Amino acid sequence: MTRTISILFAFITLSMSSCAQDENFDGMFQRMTSGTVDVITPDSLPTDGMVYLLDARELEEFEISHIPGAQHIGYDDFSMDNVKHIPRDATVIVYCSVGYRSEKIGENLQEAGYGDIYNLYGGIFHWVNTGNEVENDEGEKTEKVHTYNKKWSKWLERGEKVYE
């Protein structure tokens, strides 16, 4: 009986790890996010009105590259003071590497009374993977994207991967 349980446990563990290895980008995004913040795709970004694009990655990630026009707000040291200049009725789009950190910041914004909040689908990785440009800290176009770490770099299909 113990041997049967051990074999069953080993089979389940192997099955789960092979599913994770075969997971596609959309599956990873669905697993990492909970849907508490509306999602918007890069091709659906509004181009008019009061729109704020917020980067919820850490400063070293932002400095390597970010979406043009984005404002760095961070994640680990995020404070509502970072967004006090944004009107509560503005459209706010938050992004990070893949969507987890930006969803958490989006939740904070919703709790603070901001009404038109979106999480950018797939973050900067999907942005670059779909052919959109990023710029470095000097405002120059770059191919570099900070991928957080080596493990996460597998989700970036285009651009030059940078991680520590």
Protein backbone atom coordinates (compact mmCIF):
# COMPACT_ATOMS: atom_id res chain seq x y z
CA MET A 1 0.00 0.00 0.00
CA THR A 2 2.79 2.47 0.92
CA ARG A 3 4.64 1.57 -2.28
CA THR A 4 1.47 2.20 -4.35
CA ILE A 5 0.99 5.61 -2.71
CA SER A 6 4.65 6.49 -3.33
CA ILE A 7 4.40 5.51 -6.99
CA LEU A 8 1.15 7.47 -7.38
CA PHE A 9 2.71 10.52 -5.72
CA ALA A 10 5.77 10.29 -8.02
CA PHE A 11 3.52 10.02 -11.08
CA ILE A 12 1.46 13.05 -10.07
CA THR A 13 4.60 15.08 -9.35
CA LEU A 14 6.13 14.20 -12.73
CA SER A 15 2.88 14.97 -14.53
CA MET A 16 2.59 18.37 -12.87
CA SER A 17 6.21 19.31 -13.59
CA SER A 18 5.94 18.26 -17.23
CA CYS A 19 2.76 20.35 -17.59
CA ALA A 20 4.58 23.36 -16.17
CA GLN A 21 7.48 22.82 -18.59
CA ASP A 22 5.07 22.62 -21.54
CA GLU A 23 3.01 25.62 -20.41
CA ASN A 24 2.55 28.38 -22.98
CA PHE A 25 2.63 32.11 -22.30
CA ASP A 26 -1.14 32.45 -21.98
CA GLY A 27 -1.25 29.54 -19.52
CA MET A 28 1.48 31.14 -17.44
CA PHE A 29 -0.36 34.49 -17.44
CA GLN A 30 -3.62 32.84 -16.38
CA ARG A 31 -1.82 30.96 -13.60
CA MET A 32 0.03 34.06 -12.34
CA THR A 33 -2.96 36.42 -12.28
CA SER A 34 -6.33 36.18 -10.59
CA GLY A 35 -8.45 38.45 -12.79
CA THR A 36 -9.08 41.06 -10.10
CA VAL A 37 -7.98 43.84 -12.46
CA ASP A 38 -9.31 44.18 -16.01
CA VAL A 39 -6.76 43.17 -18.64
CA ILE A 40 -5.90 45.18 -21.74
CA THR A 41 -3.77 44.04 -24.67
CA PRO A 42 -1.06 46.13 -26.32
CA ASP A 43 -3.14 46.59 -29.47
CA SER A 44 -6.09 47.91 -27.40
CA LEU A 45 -4.30 50.74 -25.58
CA PRO A 46 -6.26 54.00 -25.72
CA THR A 47 -4.53 56.82 -27.54
CA ASP A 48 -6.64 59.74 -26.38
CA GLY A 49 -7.82 61.18 -23.09
CA MET A 50 -6.03 61.05 -19.76
CA VAL A 51 -4.03 57.81 -19.96
CA TYR A 52 -1.25 56.95 -17.53
CA LEU A 53 1.12 54.05 -18.16
CA LEU A 54 2.74 52.83 -14.94
CA ASP A 55 5.71 50.47 -14.69
CA ALA A 56 5.49 48.32 -11.54
CA ARG A 57 8.93 46.74 -11.93
CA GLU A 58 11.95 47.62 -9.85
CA LEU A 59 14.10 50.60 -10.84
CA GLU A 60 16.97 48.48 -12.24
CA GLU A 61 14.47 46.74 -14.56
CA PHE A 62 12.93 50.06 -15.63
CA GLU A 63 16.33 51.61 -16.36
CA ILE A 64 17.28 48.78 -18.76
CA SER A 65 14.10 49.41 -20.75
CA HIS A 66 10.49 50.42 -20.43
CA ILE A 67 7.53 51.22 -22.61
CA PRO A 68 7.83 54.76 -24.00
CA GLY A 69 5.91 57.24 -21.86
CA ALA A 70 5.76 54.94 -18.83
CA GLN A 71 6.28 56.24 -15.31
CA HIS A 72 8.21 54.13 -12.83
CA ILE A 73 6.24 53.40 -9.65
CA GLY A 74 7.97 50.22 -8.44
CA TYR A 75 6.56 47.27 -6.58
CA ASP A 76 8.60 46.49 -3.47
CA ASP A 77 8.55 50.11 -2.35
CA PHE A 78 5.25 51.16 -3.97
CA SER A 79 3.42 53.93 -2.18
CA MET A 80 0.23 55.76 -3.04
CA ASP A 81 2.40 58.89 -2.93
CA ASN A 82 3.89 57.62 -6.23
CA VAL A 83 0.51 58.16 -7.95
CA LYS A 84 -0.99 61.11 -6.09
CA HIS A 85 -0.58 63.27 -9.23
CA ILE A 86 -2.91 60.98 -11.20
CA PRO A 87 -6.59 62.01 -11.25
CA ARG A 88 -8.88 59.25 -9.94
CA ASP A 89 -10.97 59.34 -13.13
CA ALA A 90 -7.98 58.86 -15.46
CA THR A 91 -7.35 55.65 -17.38
CA VAL A 92 -4.42 53.87 -15.71
CA ILE A 93 -2.57 50.97 -17.30
CA VAL A 94 -0.11 49.13 -15.09
CA TYR A 95 2.50 46.67 -16.32
CA CYS A 96 5.44 44.65 -15.04
CA SER A 97 7.35 41.72 -16.56
CA VAL A 98 4.40 39.37 -17.12
CA GLY A 99 1.42 40.74 -15.17
CA TYR A 100 1.61 39.53 -11.56
CA ARG A 101 3.12 42.59 -9.86
CA SER A 102 1.07 44.99 -11.98
CA GLU A 103 -2.14 43.22 -10.99
CA LYS A 104 -1.26 43.67 -7.31
CA ILE A 105 -0.54 47.39 -7.83
CA GLY A 106 -3.81 47.65 -9.81
CA GLU A 107 -5.66 46.17 -6.83
CA ASN A 108 -4.11 48.85 -4.58
CA LEU A 109 -5.24 51.56 -6.99
CA GLN A 110 -8.77 50.16 -7.11
CA GLU A 111 -8.94 50.07 -3.31
CA ALA A 112 -7.82 53.72 -3.26
CA GLY A 113 -10.73 54.74 -5.48
CA TYR A 114 -9.20 54.76 -8.95
CA GLY A 115 -11.88 53.52 -11.30
CA ASP A 116 -10.41 52.90 -14.75
CA ILE A 117 -7.51 50.53 -14.00
CA TYR A 118 -6.05 47.94 -16.40
CA ASN A 119 -3.33 45.31 -16.19
CA LEU A 120 -1.34 45.12 -19.45
CA TYR A 121 -1.61 41.54 -20.68
CA GLY A 122 1.74 39.79 -20.42
CA GLY A 123 3.56 42.92 -19.30
CA ILE A 124 6.68 44.16 -21.05
CA PHE A 125 7.47 40.61 -22.24
CA HIS A 126 4.31 40.37 -24.33
CA TRP A 127 4.75 44.00 -25.40
CA VAL A 128 8.17 43.21 -26.89
CA ASN A 129 7.15 39.74 -28.13
CA THR A 130 4.42 41.36 -30.25
CA GLY A 131 6.88 43.76 -31.89
CA ASN A 132 6.44 46.91 -29.82
CA GLU A 133 9.39 49.14 -29.01
CA VAL A 134 10.97 49.89 -25.64
CA GLU A 135 13.40 52.59 -24.62
CA ASN A 136 16.22 52.83 -22.10
CA ASP A 137 16.66 55.32 -19.28
CA GLU A 138 18.06 57.90 -21.74
CA GLY A 139 14.95 57.65 -23.93
CA GLU A 140 16.79 55.77 -26.70
CA LYS A 141 15.28 52.76 -28.47
CA THR A 142 16.82 49.52 -27.19
CA GLU A 143 16.50 45.78 -27.71
CA LYS A 144 17.38 45.03 -24.07
CA VAL A 145 14.72 43.79 -21.68
CA HIS A 146 15.34 42.95 -18.03
CA THR A 147 13.85 39.49 -17.62
CA TYR A 148 13.89 39.46 -13.81
CA ASN A 149 15.97 36.26 -13.69
CA LYS A 150 17.19 33.43 -15.93
CA LYS A 151 14.11 31.28 -15.27
CA TRP A 152 11.72 34.03 -16.39
CA SER A 153 13.82 34.85 -19.46
CA LYS A 154 12.21 31.92 -21.32
CA TRP A 155 9.06 34.02 -21.73
CA LEU A 156 10.86 36.73 -23.71
CA GLU A 157 10.98 35.61 -27.34
CA ARG A 158 12.35 38.83 -28.87
CA GLY A 159 14.93 41.34 -27.75
CA GLU A 160 18.12 40.94 -25.77
CA LYS A 161 17.63 39.28 -22.39
CA VAL A 162 19.23 40.97 -19.39
CA TYR A 163 19.14 39.51 -15.88
CA GLU A 164 21.39 39.26 -12.86
